[in-house]
Amino acid sequence: MTAWMERPSMAEALKERRRRLATLVEGPTVLWSGQSIGRNYPANTYPFRASSHFLYFAGVPLEGAAIRLEDGRLELFLDEPGPAYALWHGEVPGREALAALIGADAAYALAELGARATGAATLPVIDTATRAAQAQLLERALAAPHELDGADRALAKAVIALRLSHDEAALSELRRAAAVSVVAHQAGMRVTPKAKYESEVRAAMEGVIIANRMATAYGSIVTVHGEVLHNEQYHHTLTPGDLLLADVGAESELGWASDITRTWPVSGRFSPTQRAIYDIVLAAHDACIVAMKPGIEYRDMHLLACTVIAAGLVDLGILRGKPEDLVERDAHALFFPHGIGHLLGLDVHDIEDLGDLAGYAPGRERSQRFGLGYLRLNRPLAAGMLVTIEPGFYQVPALLDDPLRREKYADAVSWERLGQFADVRGIRIEDDVLVTETGTEVLTAALPTQAEAVESLVLAGA
């Protein structure tokens, strides 16, 4: 029995999602779960991860399955596992049992889908084999996920409208994933003083996630080179004086994600320069969370963080000028080049398989500005939305050593003063924040952000 089968049934919540979809789209919808992808040969596969759109309406990760939705009804299409499957993978429930688990109205073999898929809208899955099968069965070419048109685009917009705000069933899963991630980060902090390599800290953190029968929601980042934003190398030695940046999140058995980043000193104590920068990043983090509420533009949250960071760097003598002017010139982006965060749900960057269709409100396009080009979310906040808030400070050689940028910002940056902060490669502080009717709920609040509390957690393992 797989771990997800022991989770409480979400059948009623799934039925309500299907009912709501029926009010937004006309005609049938067919969604595929996808299949395992081979690592280096077909029989040696990566762990299966079902399409998030399939999961949202079917609830459980059934490999090689499809669902047909129309007028609030769900039909499951799934072949019965043969004797060979049981030999290698163990006994699993049959099609009818799985249909009952998810509250399906009917269940059929996959071969019966063809006659029921005529004129259906769909959303392409990621794996190429299943996407080819989609196109063949629907007898039409499928556009790239971010270039959908016609009924498929209408379906995408409807699914986005539903997934932007989470129902209670989703929030229950998201809170579970967040709670496990908090414990994982605590374990990572405690093991750091006695660890020799980054890999040991990663092992301690992911061990907690695995022990709770979850998976990582993305490739873990556990590194003393925090200036590499998506660093997935774990071989570096931990040396007193280094900062360790850990961006690690659990994914529940049903596919719901969490996403937490903390940065802590390997020695258990921040140096004065590290503490000064850390407090600036924390001030930006806290200011955004305090300001969040329904109706607030997420882009404004990003600009608030940029301004707080710029002001802090001016106070330290690293930047020169008025913070607002520095942000307008994108000078802050030398040290904070990415956006303040992103949507969070079934995907760690939720619904980004549809490009900016979900992240950007209708009529809005991604900016070409240095300081705004990586903003993943640009729409007003609404109750039920779960977003990350993750400001940072990084000394990225590719940015700071670029002759054109050094010339452009020669009057804005004190390079000599910056050199005194060489022990700060990268700092990021990230929490998962739910927008409520009156403000926010920080799902990851149990993991401290204050520098003294972080130091205490690390020193507890010394």
Protein backbone atom coordinates (compact mmCIF):
# COMPACT_ATOMS: atom_id res chain seq x y z
CA MET A 1 0.00 0.00 0.00
CA THR A 2 1.38 3.40 -0.95
CA ALA A 3 1.63 6.17 1.65
CA TRP A 4 -1.00 8.35 0.00
CA MET A 5 -3.63 5.63 0.39
CA GLU A 6 -3.51 6.10 4.15
CA ARG A 7 -4.41 9.79 3.87
CA PRO A 8 -8.04 10.76 4.69
CA SER A 9 -10.31 10.81 1.66
CA MET A 10 -10.60 14.13 -0.15
CA ALA A 11 -13.57 12.94 -2.20
CA GLU A 12 -15.96 15.71 -1.12
CA ALA A 13 -13.40 18.45 -1.74
CA LEU A 14 -12.60 16.96 -5.13
CA LYS A 15 -16.27 16.92 -6.09
CA GLU A 16 -16.58 20.58 -5.16
CA ARG A 17 -13.56 21.46 -7.34
CA ARG A 18 -15.15 19.64 -10.27
CA ARG A 19 -18.45 21.40 -9.67
CA ARG A 20 -16.72 24.78 -9.67
CA LEU A 21 -14.85 23.91 -12.87
CA ALA A 22 -18.18 23.11 -14.54
CA THR A 23 -19.34 26.67 -13.86
CA LEU A 24 -16.30 28.07 -15.67
CA VAL A 25 -15.95 25.91 -18.79
CA GLU A 26 -18.28 24.37 -21.33
CA GLY A 27 -17.87 20.90 -22.80
CA PRO A 28 -15.65 18.03 -21.70
CA THR A 29 -12.14 18.19 -20.29
CA VAL A 30 -9.62 15.34 -20.33
CA LEU A 31 -6.53 15.47 -18.13
CA TRP A 32 -3.70 12.94 -18.05
CA SER A 33 -1.54 12.03 -15.06
CA GLY A 34 1.58 11.20 -17.08
CA GLN A 35 4.06 8.40 -16.60
CA SER A 36 7.49 7.73 -15.16
CA ILE A 37 10.48 9.00 -17.12
CA GLY A 38 13.60 6.88 -17.62
CA ARG A 39 16.83 8.14 -16.07
CA ASN A 40 19.36 6.35 -18.27
CA TYR A 41 17.29 3.47 -19.66
CA PRO A 42 13.52 2.84 -19.66
CA ALA A 43 13.32 0.46 -16.71
CA ASN A 44 15.37 2.73 -14.40
CA THR A 45 12.96 5.57 -13.83
CA TYR A 46 12.80 8.75 -11.82
CA PRO A 47 10.16 8.64 -9.07
CA PHE A 48 6.75 9.19 -10.62
CA ARG A 49 5.15 12.62 -10.10
CA ALA A 50 1.65 13.06 -11.49
CA SER A 51 0.63 16.17 -13.40
CA SER A 52 -0.51 18.80 -10.90
CA HIS A 53 -3.64 19.60 -12.93
CA PHE A 54 -4.62 15.93 -12.77
CA LEU A 55 -3.89 15.86 -9.04
CA TYR A 56 -6.05 18.90 -8.37
CA PHE A 57 -9.18 17.13 -9.59
CA ALA A 58 -8.30 13.45 -9.05
CA GLY A 59 -6.55 13.94 -5.73
CA VAL A 60 -4.13 11.00 -5.87
CA PRO A 61 -1.04 10.23 -8.01
CA LEU A 62 -2.24 7.47 -10.33
CA GLU A 63 0.37 6.70 -12.97
CA GLY A 64 -0.79 6.20 -16.55
CA ALA A 65 -4.30 7.46 -15.82
CA ALA A 66 -6.66 9.99 -17.36
CA ILE A 67 -9.82 11.66 -16.13
CA ARG A 68 -12.72 13.10 -18.08
CA LEU A 69 -14.59 16.00 -16.48
CA GLU A 70 -17.95 17.37 -17.61
CA ASP A 71 -20.83 18.98 -15.73
CA GLY A 72 -19.18 18.19 -12.40
CA ARG A 73 -18.82 14.46 -13.16
CA LEU A 74 -15.52 12.61 -13.23
CA GLU A 75 -14.79 9.47 -15.21
CA LEU A 76 -11.56 7.61 -14.45
CA PHE A 77 -9.65 5.83 -17.22
CA LEU A 78 -7.02 3.43 -15.94
CA ASP A 79 -5.86 -0.03 -16.90
CA GLU A 80 -5.87 -2.77 -14.30
CA PRO A 81 -2.33 -3.74 -13.20
CA GLY A 82 -1.28 -7.09 -14.58
CA PRO A 83 0.44 -9.99 -12.77
CA ALA A 84 3.88 -8.69 -13.74
CA TYR A 85 3.21 -5.42 -11.96
CA ALA A 86 2.36 -7.20 -8.72
CA LEU A 87 5.51 -9.32 -9.07
CA TRP A 88 7.82 -6.31 -9.15
CA HIS A 89 5.86 -3.64 -7.28
CA GLY A 90 3.39 -5.44 -5.03
CA GLU A 91 -0.38 -5.61 -4.95
CA VAL A 92 -2.28 -2.37 -5.58
CA PRO A 93 -6.02 -1.61 -5.52
CA GLY A 94 -8.01 -2.21 -8.67
CA ARG A 95 -9.64 0.41 -10.85
CA GLU A 96 -13.03 0.30 -9.12
CA ALA A 97 -11.49 0.71 -5.67
CA LEU A 98 -9.46 3.69 -6.83
CA ALA A 99 -12.51 5.20 -8.49
CA ALA A 100 -14.37 4.96 -5.19
CA LEU A 101 -11.43 6.53 -3.34
CA ILE A 102 -11.52 9.69 -5.45
CA GLY A 103 -15.30 9.82 -5.80
CA ALA A 104 -15.37 9.07 -9.53
CA ASP A 105 -18.77 8.64 -11.16
CA ALA A 106 -17.54 5.87 -13.48
CA ALA A 107 -14.35 3.98 -14.32
CA TYR A 108 -13.11 2.49 -17.59
CA ALA A 109 -10.04 0.99 -19.22
CA LEU A 110 -7.79 3.45 -21.02
CA ALA A 111 -8.76 2.01 -24.40
CA GLU A 112 -12.29 3.32 -23.85
CA LEU A 113 -11.14 6.93 -23.55
CA GLY A 114 -10.94 7.54 -27.30
CA ALA A 115 -14.68 7.48 -27.83
CA ARG A 116 -15.19 9.80 -24.85
CA ALA A 117 -12.51 12.39 -25.74
CA THR A 118 -14.03 13.93 -28.86
CA GLY A 119 -13.94 17.70 -28.66
CA ALA A 120 -12.36 17.71 -25.22
CA ALA A 121 -10.12 20.50 -23.93
CA THR A 122 -6.89 19.51 -22.23
CA LEU A 123 -3.68 20.79 -20.64
CA PRO A 124 -0.47 19.18 -21.94
CA VAL A 125 1.59 17.16 -19.50
CA ILE A 126 5.34 17.54 -19.16
CA ASP A 127 6.54 14.10 -20.23
CA THR A 128 6.83 13.82 -23.99
CA ALA A 129 5.48 10.28 -24.33
CA THR A 130 2.18 11.11 -22.66
CA ARG A 131 1.95 14.42 -24.51
CA ALA A 132 2.29 12.55 -27.80
CA ALA A 133 -0.47 10.15 -26.70
CA GLN A 134 -2.68 13.14 -25.82
CA ALA A 135 -2.26 14.62 -29.28
CA GLN A 136 -2.89 11.30 -31.01
CA LEU A 137 -6.04 10.53 -29.08
CA LEU A 138 -7.45 14.05 -29.43
CA GLU A 139 -6.46 14.03 -33.13
CA ARG A 140 -4.90 17.49 -32.99
CA ALA A 141 -1.61 19.17 -32.28
CA LEU A 142 -1.04 20.48 -28.76
CA ALA A 143 0.47 23.91 -28.28
CA ALA A 144 3.25 24.52 -25.80
CA PRO A 145 1.75 24.97 -22.32
CA HIS A 146 2.39 28.73 -22.34
CA GLU A 147 0.97 29.15 -25.86
CA LEU A 148 -2.43 27.52 -25.47
CA ASP A 149 -5.38 28.76 -27.49
CA GLY A 150 -9.05 28.02 -28.01
CA ALA A 151 -10.73 25.63 -25.58
CA ASP A 152 -7.39 24.66 -24.03
CA ARG A 153 -6.63 28.28 -23.15
CA ALA A 154 -10.11 28.71 -21.70
CA LEU A 155 -9.55 25.60 -19.60
CA ALA A 156 -6.17 26.91 -18.42
CA LYS A 157 -7.73 30.18 -17.28
CA ALA A 158 -10.47 28.29 -15.43
CA VAL A 159 -7.99 26.02 -13.67
CA ILE A 160 -5.88 29.04 -12.72
CA ALA A 161 -8.93 30.75 -11.26
CA LEU A 162 -9.55 27.70 -9.06
CA ARG A 163 -5.96 27.01 -8.04
CA LEU A 164 -5.04 30.60 -7.17
CA SER A 165 -7.00 30.38 -3.91
CA HIS A 166 -6.74 27.22 -1.82
CA ASP A 167 -9.66 25.34 -0.28
CA GLU A 168 -9.49 23.80 3.19
CA ALA A 169 -8.48 20.37 1.88
CA ALA A 170 -5.50 21.90 0.11
CA LEU A 171 -4.55 24.03 3.12
CA SER A 172 -4.56 20.94 5.33
CA GLU A 173 -1.98 19.31 3.06
CA LEU A 174 0.04 22.52 2.73
CA ARG A 175 0.21 22.92 6.50
CA ARG A 176 1.40 19.31 6.88
CA ALA A 177 4.17 19.85 4.35
CA ALA A 178 5.18 23.10 6.02
CA ALA A 179 5.33 21.48 9.45
CA VAL A 180 7.62 18.70 8.23
CA SER A 181 9.84 21.25 6.50
CA VAL A 182 10.20 23.21 9.74
CA VAL A 183 11.44 20.09 11.54
CA ALA A 184 13.82 19.36 8.65
CA HIS A 185 15.39 22.80 8.93
CA GLN A 186 15.75 22.44 12.68
CA ALA A 187 17.55 19.14 12.11
CA GLY A 188 19.85 20.78 9.57
CA MET A 189 20.78 23.54 11.97
CA ARG A 190 21.49 21.12 14.81
CA VAL A 191 23.75 18.87 12.74
CA THR A 192 25.81 21.71 11.25
CA PRO A 193 28.39 22.20 14.04
CA LYS A 194 29.57 18.60 13.73
CA ALA A 195 29.22 18.25 9.96
CA LYS A 196 32.20 18.39 7.63
CA TYR A 197 30.39 18.76 4.31
CA GLU A 198 27.21 20.36 3.00
CA SER A 199 26.02 16.88 2.06
CA GLU A 200 25.75 15.87 5.73
CA VAL A 201 23.39 18.74 6.46
CA ARG A 202 21.35 17.93 3.37
CA ALA A 203 21.13 14.28 4.48
CA ALA A 204 19.86 15.29 7.92
CA MET A 205 17.21 17.57 6.42
CA GLU A 206 15.99 15.20 3.74
CA GLY A 207 16.07 12.35 6.24
CA VAL A 208 13.35 14.09 8.23
CA ILE A 209 11.25 14.51 5.09
CA ILE A 210 11.67 10.86 4.09
CA ALA A 211 10.95 9.68 7.65
CA ASN A 212 7.63 11.49 7.41
CA ARG A 213 6.88 9.60 4.17
CA MET A 214 7.12 12.72 2.07
CA ALA A 215 9.43 13.75 -0.76
CA THR A 216 11.34 16.92 -1.46
CA ALA A 217 9.24 19.40 -3.42
CA TYR A 218 12.28 20.44 -5.50
CA GLY A 219 16.03 19.90 -5.63
CA SER A 220 17.33 20.90 -2.21
CA ILE A 221 19.74 23.82 -1.97
CA VAL A 222 22.15 23.37 0.95
CA THR A 223 25.27 25.38 0.28
CA VAL A 224 27.96 27.70 1.58
CA HIS A 225 27.82 29.30 -1.86
CA GLY A 226 24.48 30.99 -1.41
CA GLU A 227 25.33 33.43 -4.18
CA VAL A 228 24.46 30.62 -6.63
CA LEU A 229 20.70 30.95 -6.47
CA HIS A 230 19.78 27.38 -7.41
CA ASN A 231 22.94 25.65 -6.25
CA GLU A 232 22.52 21.87 -6.13
CA GLN A 233 26.13 20.98 -5.31
CA TYR A 234 26.80 19.48 -1.88
CA HIS A 235 30.53 18.71 -1.82
CA HIS A 236 31.89 21.88 -0.23
CA THR A 237 33.54 21.77 3.17
CA LEU A 238 31.87 23.58 6.06
CA THR A 239 34.32 26.05 7.53
CA PRO A 240 33.84 28.35 10.56
CA GLY A 241 33.11 31.80 9.18
CA ASP A 242 30.94 30.45 6.37
CA LEU A 243 27.22 31.01 6.08
CA LEU A 244 25.12 28.00 5.10
CA LEU A 245 22.02 28.70 3.00
CA ALA A 246 19.41 25.94 3.04
CA ASP A 247 16.39 26.12 0.72
CA VAL A 248 14.57 22.85 1.41
CA GLY A 249 10.88 22.00 1.30
CA ALA A 250 8.75 18.88 1.71
CA GLU A 251 6.01 17.71 -0.62
CA SER A 252 3.11 15.81 0.91
CA GLU A 253 2.09 12.36 -0.29
CA LEU A 254 -0.65 13.97 -2.37
CA GLY A 255 1.70 16.44 -4.05
CA TRP A 256 1.31 19.67 -2.04
CA ALA A 257 4.51 21.67 -1.59
CA SER A 258 6.31 23.76 0.99
CA ASP A 259 9.29 26.04 0.45
CA ILE A 260 11.50 27.36 3.26
CA THR A 261 14.90 29.04 3.23
CA ARG A 262 17.04 29.87 6.21
CA THR A 263 20.64 31.03 6.37
CA TRP A 264 22.79 30.31 9.38
CA PRO A 265 26.44 30.55 10.44
CA VAL A 266 28.40 27.31 10.39
CA SER A 267 30.08 28.32 13.65
CA GLY A 268 26.78 29.16 15.31
CA ARG A 269 27.59 32.87 15.48
CA PHE A 270 27.14 35.52 12.80
CA SER A 271 30.11 37.80 12.27
CA PRO A 272 29.33 41.52 12.66
CA THR A 273 29.23 41.98 8.88
CA GLN A 274 27.06 38.90 8.37
CA ARG A 275 24.69 40.00 11.12
CA ALA A 276 24.38 43.47 9.59
CA ILE A 277 23.33 42.10 6.20
CA TYR A 278 21.14 39.41 7.74
CA ASP A 279 19.17 42.00 9.66
CA ILE A 280 18.58 44.01 6.48
CA VAL A 281 17.20 40.94 4.68
CA LEU A 282 15.05 40.11 7.71
CA ALA A 283 13.71 43.66 7.82
CA ALA A 284 12.60 43.34 4.19
CA HIS A 285 11.03 39.95 4.91
CA ASP A 286 9.11 41.24 7.92
CA ALA A 287 7.97 44.47 6.23
CA CYS A 288 6.41 42.53 3.37
CA ILE A 289 4.51 40.15 5.63
CA VAL A 290 3.18 43.01 7.75
CA ALA A 291 1.98 44.86 4.64
CA MET A 292 0.26 41.88 3.01
CA LYS A 293 -3.53 41.67 2.83
CA PRO A 294 -6.19 41.11 0.17
CA GLY A 295 -6.03 43.69 -2.62
CA ILE A 296 -2.36 44.53 -2.16
CA GLU A 297 -0.32 44.17 -5.35
CA TYR A 298 2.38 41.53 -5.09
CA ARG A 299 4.60 43.73 -7.25
CA ASP A 300 4.35 46.38 -4.56
CA MET A 301 5.54 43.80 -2.01
CA HIS A 302 8.57 43.22 -4.18
CA LEU A 303 9.30 46.94 -4.49
CA LEU A 304 8.86 47.35 -0.73
CA ALA A 305 11.49 44.67 -0.14
CA CYS A 306 13.79 46.33 -2.68
CA THR A 307 13.44 49.69 -0.94
CA VAL A 308 14.08 48.25 2.53
CA ILE A 309 17.18 46.47 1.26
CA ALA A 310 18.43 49.57 -0.54
CA ALA A 311 17.90 51.68 2.58
CA GLY A 312 19.80 49.19 4.70
CA LEU A 313 22.70 49.10 2.28
CA VAL A 314 22.79 52.90 2.24
CA ASP A 315 22.98 52.88 6.04
CA LEU A 316 25.94 50.48 5.81
CA GLY A 317 27.67 52.65 3.23
CA ILE A 318 27.52 50.03 0.49
CA LEU A 319 25.05 52.02 -1.62
CA ARG A 320 24.95 55.78 -2.03
CA GLY A 321 21.82 57.84 -2.70
CA LYS A 322 18.13 57.86 -1.85
CA PRO A 323 16.71 54.33 -1.55
CA GLU A 324 13.74 55.09 -3.82
CA ASP A 325 16.04 56.48 -6.52
CA LEU A 326 18.35 53.47 -6.23
CA VAL A 327 15.41 51.10 -6.71
CA GLU A 328 14.20 53.08 -9.72
CA ARG A 329 17.69 52.67 -11.23
CA ASP A 330 17.71 48.94 -10.29
CA ALA A 331 20.93 49.42 -8.32
CA HIS A 332 19.55 47.18 -5.56
CA ALA A 333 19.31 44.32 -8.07
CA LEU A 334 23.09 44.01 -8.02
CA PHE A 335 22.51 42.32 -4.67
CA PHE A 336 18.84 41.24 -4.90
CA PRO A 337 18.28 40.22 -8.53
CA HIS A 338 15.30 37.87 -8.16
CA GLY A 339 11.66 38.48 -7.27
CA ILE A 340 10.26 38.53 -3.76
CA GLY A 341 8.63 35.11 -4.24
CA HIS A 342 6.00 33.09 -6.06
CA LEU A 343 2.74 31.19 -5.79
CA LEU A 344 2.86 27.95 -3.81
CA GLY A 345 0.54 24.95 -4.01
CA LEU A 346 0.74 21.68 -5.92
CA ASP A 347 3.84 23.08 -7.63
CA VAL A 348 6.57 24.78 -5.67
CA HIS A 349 6.29 27.55 -8.28
CA ASP A 350 2.60 26.99 -8.59
CA ILE A 351 1.04 26.69 -12.06
CA GLU A 352 4.24 27.87 -13.76
CA ASP A 353 3.89 25.08 -16.32
CA LEU A 354 1.48 27.57 -17.94
CA GLY A 355 4.15 30.25 -18.12
CA ASP A 356 3.09 33.72 -16.95
CA LEU A 357 -0.60 33.01 -17.60
CA ALA A 358 -1.07 32.27 -13.89
CA GLY A 359 1.51 34.58 -12.36
CA TYR A 360 0.58 37.70 -14.30
CA ALA A 361 -2.88 39.22 -14.21
CA PRO A 362 -4.60 39.70 -17.60
CA GLY A 363 -3.06 42.53 -19.58
CA ARG A 364 0.24 42.45 -17.69
CA GLU A 365 3.57 41.36 -19.14
CA ARG A 366 6.93 40.65 -17.62
CA SER A 367 9.16 43.70 -17.34
CA GLN A 368 12.49 43.95 -19.13
CA ARG A 369 14.01 45.89 -16.25
CA PHE A 370 17.02 44.43 -14.45
CA GLY A 371 15.23 44.73 -11.11
CA LEU A 372 11.83 43.37 -12.20
CA GLY A 373 12.53 40.81 -14.92
CA TYR A 374 12.55 37.84 -12.55
CA LEU A 375 9.32 38.73 -10.76
CA ARG A 376 7.25 35.52 -10.93
CA LEU A 377 3.97 36.95 -9.63
CA ASN A 378 2.31 40.21 -10.67
CA ARG A 379 -1.32 40.32 -9.61
CA PRO A 380 -3.29 41.58 -6.60
CA LEU A 381 -3.35 39.31 -3.57
CA ALA A 382 -6.60 37.60 -2.60
CA ALA A 383 -7.73 35.58 0.39
CA GLY A 384 -6.72 31.95 0.02
CA MET A 385 -3.57 32.64 -1.99
CA LEU A 386 -0.37 31.10 -0.64
CA VAL A 387 2.84 32.85 -1.63
CA THR A 388 6.45 32.86 -0.58
CA ILE A 389 8.23 35.91 0.77
CA GLU A 390 11.95 35.44 0.21
CA PRO A 391 14.17 38.53 0.02
CA GLY A 392 17.90 38.03 -0.21
CA PHE A 393 21.34 39.54 -0.53
CA TYR A 394 23.95 37.96 -2.80
CA GLN A 395 27.41 38.80 -4.04
CA VAL A 396 27.28 37.23 -7.50
CA PRO A 397 30.60 37.66 -9.32
CA ALA A 398 28.90 37.59 -12.74
CA LEU A 399 26.93 40.70 -11.72
CA LEU A 400 29.41 42.56 -9.58
CA ASP A 401 32.38 42.03 -11.93
CA ASP A 402 30.47 42.96 -15.07
CA PRO A 403 32.29 46.02 -16.50
CA LEU A 404 29.11 47.56 -17.90
CA ARG A 405 27.29 47.35 -14.58
CA ARG A 406 30.29 48.62 -12.64
CA GLU A 407 30.37 51.63 -14.93
CA LYS A 408 26.61 52.18 -14.77
CA TYR A 409 26.51 52.06 -10.98
CA ALA A 410 29.91 53.62 -10.27
CA ASP A 411 28.27 56.51 -8.41
CA ALA A 412 25.82 54.26 -6.53
CA VAL A 413 28.12 51.59 -5.10
CA SER A 414 31.07 51.95 -2.76
CA TRP A 415 33.11 49.02 -3.98
CA GLU A 416 35.69 49.59 -1.25
CA ARG A 417 33.06 49.41 1.48
CA LEU A 418 31.49 46.35 -0.16
CA GLY A 419 34.84 44.60 0.09
CA GLN A 420 34.53 44.66 3.87
CA PHE A 421 31.55 42.30 3.59
CA ALA A 422 33.38 39.55 1.71
CA ASP A 423 32.21 36.90 4.22
CA VAL A 424 28.62 37.36 3.01
CA ARG A 425 28.21 35.33 -0.16
CA GLY A 426 24.47 34.83 0.03
CA ILE A 427 21.62 35.25 2.52
CA ARG A 428 17.97 34.40 1.90
CA ILE A 429 15.07 34.16 4.36
CA GLU A 430 11.90 32.54 3.02
CA ASP A 431 8.53 31.74 4.52
CA ASP A 432 5.21 30.43 3.19
CA VAL A 433 2.52 33.05 3.76
CA LEU A 434 -1.23 32.53 3.37
CA VAL A 435 -3.32 35.58 2.56
CA THR A 436 -6.40 35.62 4.81
CA GLU A 437 -9.48 37.83 4.82
CA THR A 438 -7.84 40.17 7.31
CA GLY A 439 -4.10 39.77 6.71
CA THR A 440 -1.81 36.76 6.73
CA GLU A 441 -1.00 33.42 8.32
CA VAL A 442 2.64 32.35 8.12
CA LEU A 443 2.50 28.58 7.69
CA THR A 444 6.19 28.27 8.52
CA ALA A 445 6.24 30.61 11.53
CA ALA A 446 7.40 27.83 13.86
CA LEU A 447 10.89 28.14 12.36
CA PRO A 448 12.55 31.25 13.82
CA THR A 449 13.97 34.02 11.68
CA GLN A 450 15.54 36.25 14.33
CA ALA A 451 19.32 35.98 14.28
CA GLU A 452 19.68 35.10 17.97
CA ALA A 453 17.12 32.32 17.72
CA VAL A 454 18.81 30.91 14.62
CA GLU A 455 22.17 30.95 16.40
CA SER A 456 20.67 29.12 19.37
CA LEU A 457 19.32 26.36 17.15
CA VAL A 458 22.72 25.85 15.56
CA LEU A 459 24.64 25.99 18.85
CA ALA A 460 22.27 23.40 20.34
CA GLY A 461 24.02 20.83 18.16
CA ALA A 462 27.55 21.81 19.14
